[in-house]
Amino acid sequence: MESETAVIQAERGWNDAYLRSDFAKLKAIMAGDYMDVTDDGTFDTRTTNLRSIKSGEEKFTALSVSNVMTRIYGDVAINTGALHMELLFRGVPSGGDFLFTDIWQKRKGS
């Protein structure tokens, strides 16, 4: 994995892609086996996540991270920090402040 700075920049680029609803960039960033745990404890896959962005079902209006700590272990980096997000989900305002753990793995040279 690259430097801590590069990993944090990748994290911010990913968030920016969500803000711009940049489907192509999100698709390129997320591995085929991407998973996340939503705020209600359910799992979201790459397919369902991308579908909600592409359809406009989910539209982020604010997204920022702070207090990011990065740990690098070979080709894997783990980011932890605080996340603030505001979005419309099916037209209904949602969001809040959360803690996050993101795992990045260098694959295929990227």
PDB file of N, CA and C in Angstrom:
ATOM      1  N   MET A   1       0.853  -1.170   0.000  1.00  0.00           N
ATOM      2  CA  MET A   1       0.000   0.000   0.000  1.00  0.00           C
ATOM      3  C   MET A   1       0.894   1.225   0.000  1.00  0.00           C
ATOM      4  N   GLU A   2       0.355   2.315  -0.434  1.00  0.00           N
ATOM      5  CA  GLU A   2       1.123   3.548  -0.517  1.00  0.00           C
ATOM      6  C   GLU A   2       1.177   4.252   0.840  1.00  0.00           C
ATOM      7  N   SER A   3       1.526   5.493   0.837  1.00  0.00           N
ATOM      8  CA  SER A   3       1.656   6.262   2.069  1.00  0.00           C
ATOM      9  C   SER A   3       0.288   6.520   2.713  1.00  0.00           C
ATOM     10  N   GLU A   4       0.335   6.881   3.986  1.00  0.00           N
ATOM     11  CA  GLU A   4      -0.894   7.235   4.695  1.00  0.00           C
ATOM     12  C   GLU A   4      -1.615   8.376   3.987  1.00  0.00           C
ATOM     13  N   THR A   5      -0.849   9.343   3.509  1.00  0.00           N
ATOM     14  CA  THR A   5      -1.447  10.484   2.805  1.00  0.00           C
ATOM     15  C   THR A   5      -2.213  10.023   1.567  1.00  0.00           C
ATOM     16  N   ALA A   6      -1.645   9.106   0.801  1.00  0.00           N
ATOM     17  CA  ALA A   6      -2.307   8.603  -0.404  1.00  0.00           C
ATOM     18  C   ALA A   6      -3.599   7.867  -0.068  1.00  0.00           C
ATOM     19  N   VAL A   7      -3.598   7.121   1.021  1.00  0.00           N
ATOM     20  CA  VAL A   7      -4.797   6.382   1.425  1.00  0.00           C
ATOM     21  C   VAL A   7      -5.893   7.351   1.870  1.00  0.00           C
ATOM     22  N   ILE A   8      -5.518   8.372   2.619  1.00  0.00           N
ATOM     23  CA  ILE A   8      -6.510   9.371   3.040  1.00  0.00           C
ATOM     24  C   ILE A   8      -7.054  10.123   1.828  1.00  0.00           C
ATOM     25  N   GLN A   9      -6.193  10.427   0.855  1.00  0.00           N
ATOM     26  CA  GLN A   9      -6.659  11.072  -0.378  1.00  0.00           C
ATOM     27  C   GLN A   9      -7.634  10.159  -1.129  1.00  0.00           C
ATOM     28  N   ALA A  10      -7.354   8.863  -1.153  1.00  0.00           N
ATOM     29  CA  ALA A  10      -8.265   7.913  -1.805  1.00  0.00           C
ATOM     30  C   ALA A  10      -9.618   7.909  -1.095  1.00  0.00           C
ATOM     31  N   GLU A  11      -9.592   7.950   0.228  1.00  0.00           N
ATOM     32  CA  GLU A  11     -10.832   7.997   1.026  1.00  0.00           C
ATOM     33  C   GLU A  11     -11.637   9.244   0.664  1.00  0.00           C
ATOM     34  N   ARG A  12     -10.957  10.372   0.579  1.00  0.00           N
ATOM     35  CA  ARG A  12     -11.654  11.620   0.240  1.00  0.00           C
ATOM     36  C   ARG A  12     -12.159  11.598  -1.209  1.00  0.00           C
ATOM     37  N   GLY A  13     -11.380  10.986  -2.114  1.00  0.00           N
ATOM     38  CA  GLY A  13     -11.824  10.846  -3.504  1.00  0.00           C
ATOM     39  C   GLY A  13     -13.070   9.989  -3.616  1.00  0.00           C
ATOM     40  N   TRP A  14     -13.127   8.945  -2.814  1.00  0.00           N
ATOM     41  CA  TRP A  14     -14.294   8.067  -2.781  1.00  0.00           C
ATOM     42  C   TRP A  14     -15.513   8.849  -2.304  1.00  0.00           C
ATOM     43  N   ASN A  15     -15.345   9.628  -1.229  1.00  0.00           N
ATOM     44  CA  ASN A  15     -16.448  10.447  -0.726  1.00  0.00           C
ATOM     45  C   ASN A  15     -16.889  11.481  -1.762  1.00  0.00           C
ATOM     46  N   ASP A  16     -15.930  12.073  -2.458  1.00  0.00           N
ATOM     47  CA  ASP A  16     -16.254  13.042  -3.502  1.00  0.00           C
ATOM     48  C   ASP A  16     -17.062  12.384  -4.624  1.00  0.00           C
ATOM     49  N   ALA A  17     -16.713  11.150  -4.963  1.00  0.00           N
ATOM     50  CA  ALA A  17     -17.461  10.424  -6.001  1.00  0.00           C
ATOM     51  C   ALA A  17     -18.911  10.207  -5.557  1.00  0.00           C
ATOM     52  N   TYR A  18     -19.125   9.929  -4.279  1.00  0.00           N
ATOM     53  CA  TYR A  18     -20.495   9.822  -3.770  1.00  0.00           C
ATOM     54  C   TYR A  18     -21.225  11.155  -3.884  1.00  0.00           C
ATOM     55  N   LEU A  19     -20.561  12.240  -3.503  1.00  0.00           N
ATOM     56  CA  LEU A  19     -21.200  13.558  -3.570  1.00  0.00           C
ATOM     57  C   LEU A  19     -21.600  13.933  -4.991  1.00  0.00           C
ATOM     58  N   ARG A  20     -20.779  13.543  -5.955  1.00  0.00           N
ATOM     59  CA  ARG A  20     -21.059  13.877  -7.357  1.00  0.00           C
ATOM     60  C   ARG A  20     -21.886  12.795  -8.056  1.00  0.00           C
ATOM     61  N   SER A  21     -22.256  11.750  -7.307  1.00  0.00           N
ATOM     62  CA  SER A  21     -22.961  10.593  -7.888  1.00  0.00           C
ATOM     63  C   SER A  21     -22.205  10.078  -9.108  1.00  0.00           C
ATOM     64  N   ASP A  22     -20.883  10.006  -8.981  1.00  0.00           N
ATOM     65  CA  ASP A  22     -20.003   9.572 -10.069  1.00  0.00           C
ATOM     66  C   ASP A  22     -19.962   8.047 -10.109  1.00  0.00           C
ATOM     67  N   PHE A  23     -20.936   7.487 -10.798  1.00  0.00           N
ATOM     68  CA  PHE A  23     -21.111   6.033 -10.862  1.00  0.00           C
ATOM     69  C   PHE A  23     -19.848   5.335 -11.366  1.00  0.00           C
ATOM     70  N   ALA A  24     -19.243   5.853 -12.419  1.00  0.00           N
ATOM     71  CA  ALA A  24     -18.062   5.212 -13.005  1.00  0.00           C
ATOM     72  C   ALA A  24     -16.900   5.171 -12.010  1.00  0.00           C
ATOM     73  N   LYS A  25     -16.673   6.273 -11.291  1.00  0.00           N
ATOM     74  CA  LYS A  25     -15.575   6.303 -10.326  1.00  0.00           C
ATOM     75  C   LYS A  25     -15.855   5.365  -9.155  1.00  0.00           C
ATOM     76  N   LEU A  26     -17.084   5.370  -8.664  1.00  0.00           N
ATOM     77  CA  LEU A  26     -17.432   4.467  -7.572  1.00  0.00           C
ATOM     78  C   LEU A  26     -17.260   3.011  -7.988  1.00  0.00           C
ATOM     79  N   LYS A  27     -17.686   2.696  -9.183  1.00  0.00           N
ATOM     80  CA  LYS A  27     -17.552   1.324  -9.696  1.00  0.00           C
ATOM     81  C   LYS A  27     -16.080   0.921  -9.779  1.00  0.00           C
ATOM     82  N   ALA A  28     -15.225   1.871 -10.175  1.00  0.00           N
ATOM     83  CA  ALA A  28     -13.790   1.580 -10.280  1.00  0.00           C
ATOM     84  C   ALA A  28     -13.144   1.412  -8.906  1.00  0.00           C
ATOM     85  N   ILE A  29     -13.611   2.148  -7.916  1.00  0.00           N
ATOM     86  CA  ILE A  29     -13.023   2.097  -6.581  1.00  0.00           C
ATOM     87  C   ILE A  29     -13.430   0.834  -5.834  1.00  0.00           C
ATOM     88  N   MET A  30     -14.698   0.455  -5.929  1.00  0.00           N
ATOM     89  CA  MET A  30     -15.217  -0.654  -5.133  1.00  0.00           C
ATOM     90  C   MET A  30     -14.836  -1.998  -5.746  1.00  0.00           C
ATOM     91  N   ALA A  31     -14.233  -2.854  -4.926  1.00  0.00           N
ATOM     92  CA  ALA A  31     -13.905  -4.211  -5.364  1.00  0.00           C
ATOM     93  C   ALA A  31     -15.201  -5.003  -5.571  1.00  0.00           C
ATOM     94  N   GLY A  32     -15.109  -6.050  -6.345  1.00  0.00           N
ATOM     95  CA  GLY A  32     -16.275  -6.892  -6.602  1.00  0.00           C
ATOM     96  C   GLY A  32     -16.885  -7.475  -5.343  1.00  0.00           C
ATOM     97  N   ASP A  33     -16.059  -7.694  -4.333  1.00  0.00           N
ATOM     98  CA  ASP A  33     -16.553  -8.258  -3.067  1.00  0.00           C
ATOM     99  C   ASP A  33     -16.803  -7.185  -2.001  1.00  0.00           C
ATOM    100  N   TYR A  34     -16.942  -5.931  -2.421  1.00  0.00           N
ATOM    101  CA  TYR A  34     -17.204  -4.813  -1.502  1.00  0.00           C
ATOM    102  C   TYR A  34     -18.449  -5.088  -0.668  1.00  0.00           C
ATOM    103  N   MET A  35     -18.360  -4.778   0.611  1.00  0.00           N
ATOM    104  CA  MET A  35     -19.496  -4.869   1.527  1.00  0.00           C
ATOM    105  C   MET A  35     -19.411  -3.698   2.492  1.00  0.00           C
ATOM    106  N   ASP A  36     -20.556  -3.209   2.899  1.00  0.00           N
ATOM    107  CA  ASP A  36     -20.565  -2.274   4.024  1.00  0.00           C
ATOM    108  C   ASP A  36     -21.719  -2.624   4.943  1.00  0.00           C
ATOM    109  N   VAL A  37     -21.610  -2.145   6.158  1.00  0.00           N
ATOM    110  CA  VAL A  37     -22.664  -2.333   7.143  1.00  0.00           C
ATOM    111  C   VAL A  37     -23.346  -0.989   7.289  1.00  0.00           C
ATOM    112  N   THR A  38     -24.637  -0.952   7.063  1.00  0.00           N
ATOM    113  CA  THR A  38     -25.378   0.301   7.112  1.00  0.00           C
ATOM    114  C   THR A  38     -25.653   0.697   8.568  1.00  0.00           C
ATOM    115  N   ASP A  39     -26.182   1.892   8.746  1.00  0.00           N
ATOM    116  CA  ASP A  39     -26.434   2.386  10.104  1.00  0.00           C
ATOM    117  C   ASP A  39     -27.494   1.567  10.851  1.00  0.00           C
ATOM    118  N   ASP A  40     -28.298   0.781  10.118  1.00  0.00           N
ATOM    119  CA  ASP A  40     -29.277  -0.074  10.815  1.00  0.00           C
ATOM    120  C   ASP A  40     -28.777  -1.510  10.986  1.00  0.00           C
ATOM    121  N   GLY A  41     -27.486  -1.737  10.639  1.00  0.00           N
ATOM    122  CA  GLY A  41     -26.875  -3.045  10.870  1.00  0.00           C
ATOM    123  C   GLY A  41     -27.019  -4.046   9.746  1.00  0.00           C
ATOM    124  N   THR A  42     -27.634  -3.646   8.637  1.00  0.00           N
ATOM    125  CA  THR A  42     -27.755  -4.562   7.505  1.00  0.00           C
ATOM    126  C   THR A  42     -26.533  -4.436   6.602  1.00  0.00           C
ATOM    127  N   PHE A  43     -26.316  -5.456   5.782  1.00  0.00           N
ATOM    128  CA  PHE A  43     -25.193  -5.450   4.848  1.00  0.00           C
ATOM    129  C   PHE A  43     -25.635  -4.901   3.498  1.00  0.00           C
ATOM    130  N   ASP A  44     -24.732  -4.170   2.866  1.00  0.00           N
ATOM    131  CA  ASP A  44     -24.958  -3.595   1.543  1.00  0.00           C
ATOM    132  C   ASP A  44     -23.814  -4.071   0.649  1.00  0.00           C
ATOM    133  N   THR A  45     -24.138  -4.584  -0.517  1.00  0.00           N
ATOM    134  CA  THR A  45     -23.115  -5.074  -1.440  1.00  0.00           C
ATOM    135  C   THR A  45     -22.747  -3.996  -2.453  1.00  0.00           C
ATOM    136  N   ARG A  46     -21.724  -4.266  -3.221  1.00  0.00           N
ATOM    137  CA  ARG A  46     -21.317  -3.352  -4.296  1.00  0.00           C
ATOM    138  C   ARG A  46     -22.488  -3.139  -5.251  1.00  0.00           C
ATOM    139  N   THR A  47     -23.149  -4.223  -5.635  1.00  0.00           N
ATOM    140  CA  THR A  47     -24.250  -4.143  -6.602  1.00  0.00           C
ATOM    141  C   THR A  47     -25.385  -3.270  -6.084  1.00  0.00           C
ATOM    142  N   THR A  48     -25.835  -3.506  -4.854  1.00  0.00           N
ATOM    143  CA  THR A  48     -26.952  -2.716  -4.336  1.00  0.00           C
ATOM    144  C   THR A  48     -26.547  -1.271  -4.086  1.00  0.00           C
ATOM    145  N   ASN A  49     -25.324  -1.064  -3.645  1.00  0.00           N
ATOM    146  CA  ASN A  49     -24.829   0.280  -3.400  1.00  0.00           C
ATOM    147  C   ASN A  49     -24.785   1.081  -4.700  1.00  0.00           C
ATOM    148  N   LEU A  50     -24.194   0.500  -5.727  1.00  0.00           N
ATOM    149  CA  LEU A  50     -24.093   1.197  -7.011  1.00  0.00           C
ATOM    150  C   LEU A  50     -25.464   1.425  -7.637  1.00  0.00           C
ATOM    151  N   ARG A  51     -26.349   0.455  -7.494  1.00  0.00           N
ATOM    152  CA  ARG A  51     -27.700   0.590  -8.050  1.00  0.00           C
ATOM    153  C   ARG A  51     -28.427   1.784  -7.435  1.00  0.00           C
ATOM    154  N   SER A  52     -28.297   1.967  -6.116  1.00  0.00           N
ATOM    155  CA  SER A  52     -28.996   3.074  -5.456  1.00  0.00           C
ATOM    156  C   SER A  52     -28.433   4.434  -5.872  1.00  0.00           C
ATOM    157  N   ILE A  53     -27.136   4.482  -6.169  1.00  0.00           N
ATOM    158  CA  ILE A  53     -26.527   5.733  -6.648  1.00  0.00           C
ATOM    159  C   ILE A  53     -26.961   6.012  -8.086  1.00  0.00           C
ATOM    160  N   LYS A  54     -26.861   4.997  -8.939  1.00  0.00           N
ATOM    161  CA  LYS A  54     -27.191   5.169 -10.363  1.00  0.00           C
ATOM    162  C   LYS A  54     -28.653   5.558 -10.558  1.00  0.00           C
ATOM    163  N   SER A  55     -29.537   4.977  -9.771  1.00  0.00           N
ATOM    164  CA  SER A  55     -30.969   5.241  -9.918  1.00  0.00           C
ATOM    165  C   SER A  55     -31.383   6.591  -9.323  1.00  0.00           C
ATOM    166  N   GLY A  56     -30.521   7.161  -8.471  1.00  0.00           N
ATOM    167  CA  GLY A  56     -30.870   8.400  -7.794  1.00  0.00           C
ATOM    168  C   GLY A  56     -31.641   8.170  -6.509  1.00  0.00           C
ATOM    169  N   GLU A  57     -31.842   6.896  -6.159  1.00  0.00           N
ATOM    170  CA  GLU A  57     -32.548   6.563  -4.921  1.00  0.00           C
ATOM    171  C   GLU A  57     -31.819   7.152  -3.707  1.00  0.00           C
ATOM    172  N   GLU A  58     -30.496   7.183  -3.805  1.00  0.00           N
ATOM    173  CA  GLU A  58     -29.660   7.703  -2.737  1.00  0.00           C
ATOM    174  C   GLU A  58     -28.825   8.848  -3.312  1.00  0.00           C
ATOM    175  N   LYS A  59     -28.966  10.040  -2.729  1.00  0.00           N
ATOM    176  CA  LYS A  59     -28.236  11.215  -3.209  1.00  0.00           C
ATOM    177  C   LYS A  59     -27.602  11.923  -2.025  1.00  0.00           C
ATOM    178  N   PHE A  60     -26.255  11.907  -1.990  1.00  0.00           N
ATOM    179  CA  PHE A  60     -25.529  12.558  -0.901  1.00  0.00           C
ATOM    180  C   PHE A  60     -25.453  14.059  -1.153  1.00  0.00           C
ATOM    181  N   THR A  61     -25.683  14.840  -0.109  1.00  0.00           N
ATOM    182  CA  THR A  61     -25.596  16.288  -0.203  1.00  0.00           C
ATOM    183  C   THR A  61     -24.440  16.842   0.625  1.00  0.00           C
ATOM    184  N   ALA A  62     -23.960  16.078   1.584  1.00  0.00           N
ATOM    185  CA  ALA A  62     -22.774  16.441   2.381  1.00  0.00           C
ATOM    186  C   ALA A  62     -22.116  15.152   2.841  1.00  0.00           C
ATOM    187  N   LEU A  63     -20.800  15.137   2.777  1.00  0.00           N
ATOM    188  CA  LEU A  63     -20.059  13.944   3.168  1.00  0.00           C
ATOM    189  C   LEU A  63     -18.643  14.369   3.504  1.00  0.00           C
ATOM    190  N   SER A  64     -18.244  14.174   4.754  1.00  0.00           N
ATOM    191  CA  SER A  64     -16.892  14.556   5.144  1.00  0.00           C
ATOM    192  C   SER A  64     -16.387  13.611   6.228  1.00  0.00           C
ATOM    193  N   VAL A  65     -15.074  13.449   6.238  1.00  0.00           N
ATOM    194  CA  VAL A  65     -14.432  12.625   7.263  1.00  0.00           C
ATOM    195  C   VAL A  65     -13.485  13.497   8.074  1.00  0.00           C
ATOM    196  N   SER A  66     -13.273  13.100   9.304  1.00  0.00           N
ATOM    197  CA  SER A  66     -12.340  13.808  10.172  1.00  0.00           C
ATOM    198  C   SER A  66     -11.697  12.806  11.125  1.00  0.00           C
ATOM    199  N   ASN A  67     -10.629  13.264  11.761  1.00  0.00           N
ATOM    200  CA  ASN A  67      -9.909  12.422  12.724  1.00  0.00           C
ATOM    201  C   ASN A  67      -9.535  11.062  12.131  1.00  0.00           C
ATOM    202  N   VAL A  68      -9.108  11.073  10.879  1.00  0.00           N
ATOM    203  CA  VAL A  68      -8.765   9.825  10.194  1.00  0.00           C
ATOM    204  C   VAL A  68      -7.397   9.339  10.663  1.00  0.00           C
ATOM    205  N   MET A  69      -7.363   8.072  11.044  1.00  0.00           N
ATOM    206  CA  MET A  69      -6.106   7.398  11.384  1.00  0.00           C
ATOM    207  C   MET A  69      -5.930   6.259  10.392  1.00  0.00           C
ATOM    208  N   THR A  70      -4.747   6.158   9.808  1.00  0.00           N
ATOM    209  CA  THR A  70      -4.461   5.124   8.821  1.00  0.00           C
ATOM    210  C   THR A  70      -3.363   4.215   9.343  1.00  0.00           C
ATOM    211  N   ARG A  71      -3.605   2.930   9.180  1.00  0.00           N
ATOM    212  CA  ARG A  71      -2.590   1.921   9.497  1.00  0.00           C
ATOM    213  C   ARG A  71      -2.367   1.104   8.232  1.00  0.00           C
ATOM    214  N   ILE A  72      -1.099   0.915   7.878  1.00  0.00           N
ATOM    215  CA  ILE A  72      -0.772   0.191   6.649  1.00  0.00           C
ATOM    216  C   ILE A  72      -0.074  -1.115   7.011  1.00  0.00           C
ATOM    217  N   TYR A  73      -0.569  -2.196   6.403  1.00  0.00           N
ATOM    218  CA  TYR A  73      -0.018  -3.541   6.585  1.00  0.00           C
ATOM    219  C   TYR A  73       0.190  -4.156   5.201  1.00  0.00           C
ATOM    220  N   GLY A  74       1.353  -3.965   4.628  1.00  0.00           N
ATOM    221  CA  GLY A  74       1.607  -4.504   3.291  1.00  0.00           C
ATOM    222  C   GLY A  74       0.710  -3.862   2.254  1.00  0.00           C
ATOM    223  N   ASP A  75      -0.112  -4.676   1.599  1.00  0.00           N
ATOM    224  CA  ASP A  75      -1.025  -4.184   0.561  1.00  0.00           C
ATOM    225  C   ASP A  75      -2.394  -3.780   1.106  1.00  0.00           C
ATOM    226  N   VAL A  76      -2.514  -3.716   2.425  1.00  0.00           N
ATOM    227  CA  VAL A  76      -3.793  -3.386   3.054  1.00  0.00           C
ATOM    228  C   VAL A  76      -3.622  -2.146   3.932  1.00  0.00           C
ATOM    229  N   ALA A  77      -4.611  -1.256   3.878  1.00  0.00           N
ATOM    230  CA  ALA A  77      -4.643  -0.091   4.758  1.00  0.00           C
ATOM    231  C   ALA A  77      -5.995  -0.060   5.456  1.00  0.00           C
ATOM    232  N   ILE A  78      -5.979   0.331   6.713  1.00  0.00           N
ATOM    233  CA  ILE A  78      -7.208   0.446   7.481  1.00  0.00           C
ATOM    234  C   ILE A  78      -7.343   1.894   7.934  1.00  0.00           C
ATOM    235  N   ASN A  79      -8.451   2.509   7.526  1.00  0.00           N
ATOM    236  CA  ASN A  79      -8.769   3.875   7.941  1.00  0.00           C
ATOM    237  C   ASN A  79      -9.868   3.817   8.983  1.00  0.00           C
ATOM    238  N   THR A  80      -9.679   4.553  10.064  1.00  0.00           N
ATOM    239  CA  THR A  80     -10.749   4.745  11.040  1.00  0.00           C
ATOM    240  C   THR A  80     -10.918   6.239  11.236  1.00  0.00           C
ATOM    241  N   GLY A  81     -12.127   6.643  11.575  1.00  0.00           N
ATOM    242  CA  GLY A  81     -12.356   8.061  11.785  1.00  0.00           C
ATOM    243  C   GLY A  81     -13.815   8.367  12.026  1.00  0.00           C
ATOM    244  N   ALA A  82     -14.130   9.638  11.914  1.00  0.00           N
ATOM    245  CA  ALA A  82     -15.492  10.132  12.082  1.00  0.00           C
ATOM    246  C   ALA A  82     -16.030  10.551  10.712  1.00  0.00           C
ATOM    247  N   LEU A  83     -17.292  10.285  10.496  1.00  0.00           N
ATOM    248  CA  LEU A  83     -17.949  10.569   9.220  1.00  0.00           C
ATOM    249  C   LEU A  83     -19.201  11.385   9.472  1.00  0.00           C
ATOM    250  N   HIS A  84     -19.340  12.473   8.732  1.00  0.00           N
ATOM    251  CA  HIS A  84     -20.586  13.241   8.740  1.00  0.00           C
ATOM    252  C   HIS A  84     -21.194  13.107   7.355  1.00  0.00           C
ATOM    253  N   MET A  85     -22.459  12.714   7.306  1.00  0.00           N
ATOM    254  CA  MET A  85     -23.125  12.630   6.003  1.00  0.00           C
ATOM    255  C   MET A  85     -24.555  13.127   6.081  1.00  0.00           C
ATOM    256  N   GLU A  86     -24.946  13.732   4.976  1.00  0.00           N
ATOM    257  CA  GLU A  86     -26.327  14.152   4.782  1.00  0.00           C
ATOM    258  C   GLU A  86     -26.720  13.645   3.404  1.00  0.00           C
ATOM    259  N   LEU A  87     -27.903  13.058   3.312  1.00  0.00           N
ATOM    260  CA  LEU A  87     -28.349  12.516   2.041  1.00  0.00           C
ATOM    261  C   LEU A  87     -29.857  12.496   1.969  1.00  0.00           C
ATOM    262  N   LEU A  88     -30.314  12.291   0.759  1.00  0.00           N
ATOM    263  CA  LEU A  88     -31.724  12.029   0.520  1.00  0.00           C
ATOM    264  C   LEU A  88     -31.819  10.567   0.127  1.00  0.00           C
ATOM    265  N   PHE A  89     -32.630   9.814   0.842  1.00  0.00           N
ATOM    266  CA  PHE A  89     -32.869   8.422   0.494  1.00  0.00           C
ATOM    267  C   PHE A  89     -34.330   8.290   0.128  1.00  0.00           C
ATOM    268  N   ARG A  90     -34.558   8.042  -1.157  1.00  0.00           N
ATOM    269  CA  ARG A  90     -35.919   8.002  -1.699  1.00  0.00           C
ATOM    270  C   ARG A  90     -36.657   9.313  -1.407  1.00  0.00           C
ATOM    271  N   GLY A  91     -35.875  10.417  -1.470  1.00  0.00           N
ATOM    272  CA  GLY A  91     -36.439  11.747  -1.287  1.00  0.00           C
ATOM    273  C   GLY A  91     -36.569  12.194   0.155  1.00  0.00           C
ATOM    274  N   VAL A  92     -36.232  11.324   1.099  1.00  0.00           N
ATOM    275  CA  VAL A  92     -36.378  11.649   2.516  1.00  0.00           C
ATOM    276  C   VAL A  92     -35.000  11.989   3.094  1.00  0.00           C
ATOM    277  N   PRO A  93     -34.875  13.154   3.765  1.00  0.00           N
ATOM    278  CA  PRO A  93     -33.583  13.504   4.359  1.00  0.00           C
ATOM    279  C   PRO A  93     -33.141  12.479   5.401  1.00  0.00           C
ATOM    280  N   SER A  94     -31.855  12.192   5.385  1.00  0.00           N
ATOM    281  CA  SER A  94     -31.271  11.232   6.314  1.00  0.00           C
ATOM    282  C   SER A  94     -29.827  11.646   6.570  1.00  0.00           C
ATOM    283  N   GLY A  95     -29.141  10.885   7.386  1.00  0.00           N
ATOM    284  CA  GLY A  95     -27.733  11.155   7.629  1.00  0.00           C
ATOM    285  C   GLY A  95     -27.434  11.230   9.104  1.00  0.00           C
ATOM    286  N   GLY A  96     -26.273  11.809   9.406  1.00  0.00           N
ATOM    287  CA  GLY A  96     -25.864  11.941  10.784  1.00  0.00           C
ATOM    288  C   GLY A  96     -24.355  11.862  10.915  1.00  0.00           C
ATOM    289  N   ASP A  97     -23.925  11.651  12.134  1.00  0.00           N
ATOM    290  CA  ASP A  97     -22.504  11.528  12.449  1.00  0.00           C
ATOM    291  C   ASP A  97     -22.235  10.106  12.902  1.00  0.00           C
ATOM    292  N   PHE A  98     -21.199   9.508  12.342  1.00  0.00           N
ATOM    293  CA  PHE A  98     -20.898   8.106  12.568  1.00  0.00           C
ATOM    294  C   PHE A  98     -19.393   7.917  12.737  1.00  0.00           C
ATOM    295  N   LEU A  99     -19.010   6.806  13.302  1.00  0.00           N
ATOM    296  CA  LEU A  99     -17.622   6.362  13.291  1.00  0.00           C
ATOM    297  C   LEU A  99     -17.505   5.328  12.182  1.00  0.00           C
ATOM    298  N   PHE A 100     -16.333   5.235  11.549  1.00  0.00           N
ATOM    299  CA  PHE A 100     -16.190   4.288  10.449  1.00  0.00           C
ATOM    300  C   PHE A 100     -14.852   3.564  10.512  1.00  0.00           C
ATOM    301  N   THR A 101     -14.838   2.413   9.894  1.00  0.00           N
ATOM    302  CA  THR A 101     -13.627   1.650   9.621  1.00  0.00           C
ATOM    303  C   THR A 101     -13.705   1.243   8.159  1.00  0.00           C
ATOM    304  N   ASP A 102     -12.749   1.675   7.355  1.00  0.00           N
ATOM    305  CA  ASP A 102     -12.683   1.299   5.937  1.00  0.00           C
ATOM    306  C   ASP A 102     -11.397   0.531   5.713  1.00  0.00           C
ATOM    307  N   ILE A 103     -11.509  -0.545   4.989  1.00  0.00           N
ATOM    308  CA  ILE A 103     -10.346  -1.372   4.666  1.00  0.00           C
ATOM    309  C   ILE A 103     -10.070  -1.226   3.176  1.00  0.00           C
ATOM    310  N   TRP A 104      -8.864  -0.806   2.863  1.00  0.00           N
ATOM    311  CA  TRP A 104      -8.419  -0.625   1.488  1.00  0.00           C
ATOM    312  C   TRP A 104      -7.377  -1.693   1.175  1.00  0.00           C
ATOM    313  N   GLN A 105      -7.499  -2.285   0.001  1.00  0.00           N
ATOM    314  CA  GLN A 105      -6.486  -3.257  -0.427  1.00  0.00           C
ATOM    315  C   GLN A 105      -6.026  -2.888  -1.819  1.00  0.00           C
ATOM    316  N   LYS A 106      -4.711  -2.869  -1.993  1.00  0.00           N
ATOM    317  CA  LYS A 106      -4.160  -2.594  -3.319  1.00  0.00           C
ATOM    318  C   LYS A 106      -4.337  -3.851  -4.165  1.00  0.00           C
ATOM    319  N   ARG A 107      -5.028  -3.697  -5.275  1.00  0.00           N
ATOM    320  CA  ARG A 107      -5.295  -4.810  -6.179  1.00  0.00           C
ATOM    321  C   ARG A 107      -4.969  -4.380  -7.602  1.00  0.00           C
ATOM    322  N   LYS A 108      -4.388  -5.258  -8.341  1.00  0.00           N
ATOM    323  CA  LYS A 108      -4.105  -5.007  -9.762  1.00  0.00           C
ATOM    324  C   LYS A 108      -3.392  -3.683  -9.980  1.00  0.00           C
ATOM    325  N   GLY A 109      -2.477  -3.343  -9.083  1.00  0.00           N
ATOM    326  CA  GLY A 109      -1.654  -2.151  -9.266  1.00  0.00           C
ATOM    327  C   GLY A 109      -2.316  -0.850  -8.933  1.00  0.00           C
ATOM    328  N   SER A 110      -3.540  -0.891  -8.396  1.00  0.00           N
ATOM    329  CA  SER A 110      -4.198   0.383  -8.054  1.00  0.00           C
ATOM    330  C   SER A 110      -4.607   0.427  -6.609  1.00  0.00           C
TER     331      SER A 110
END
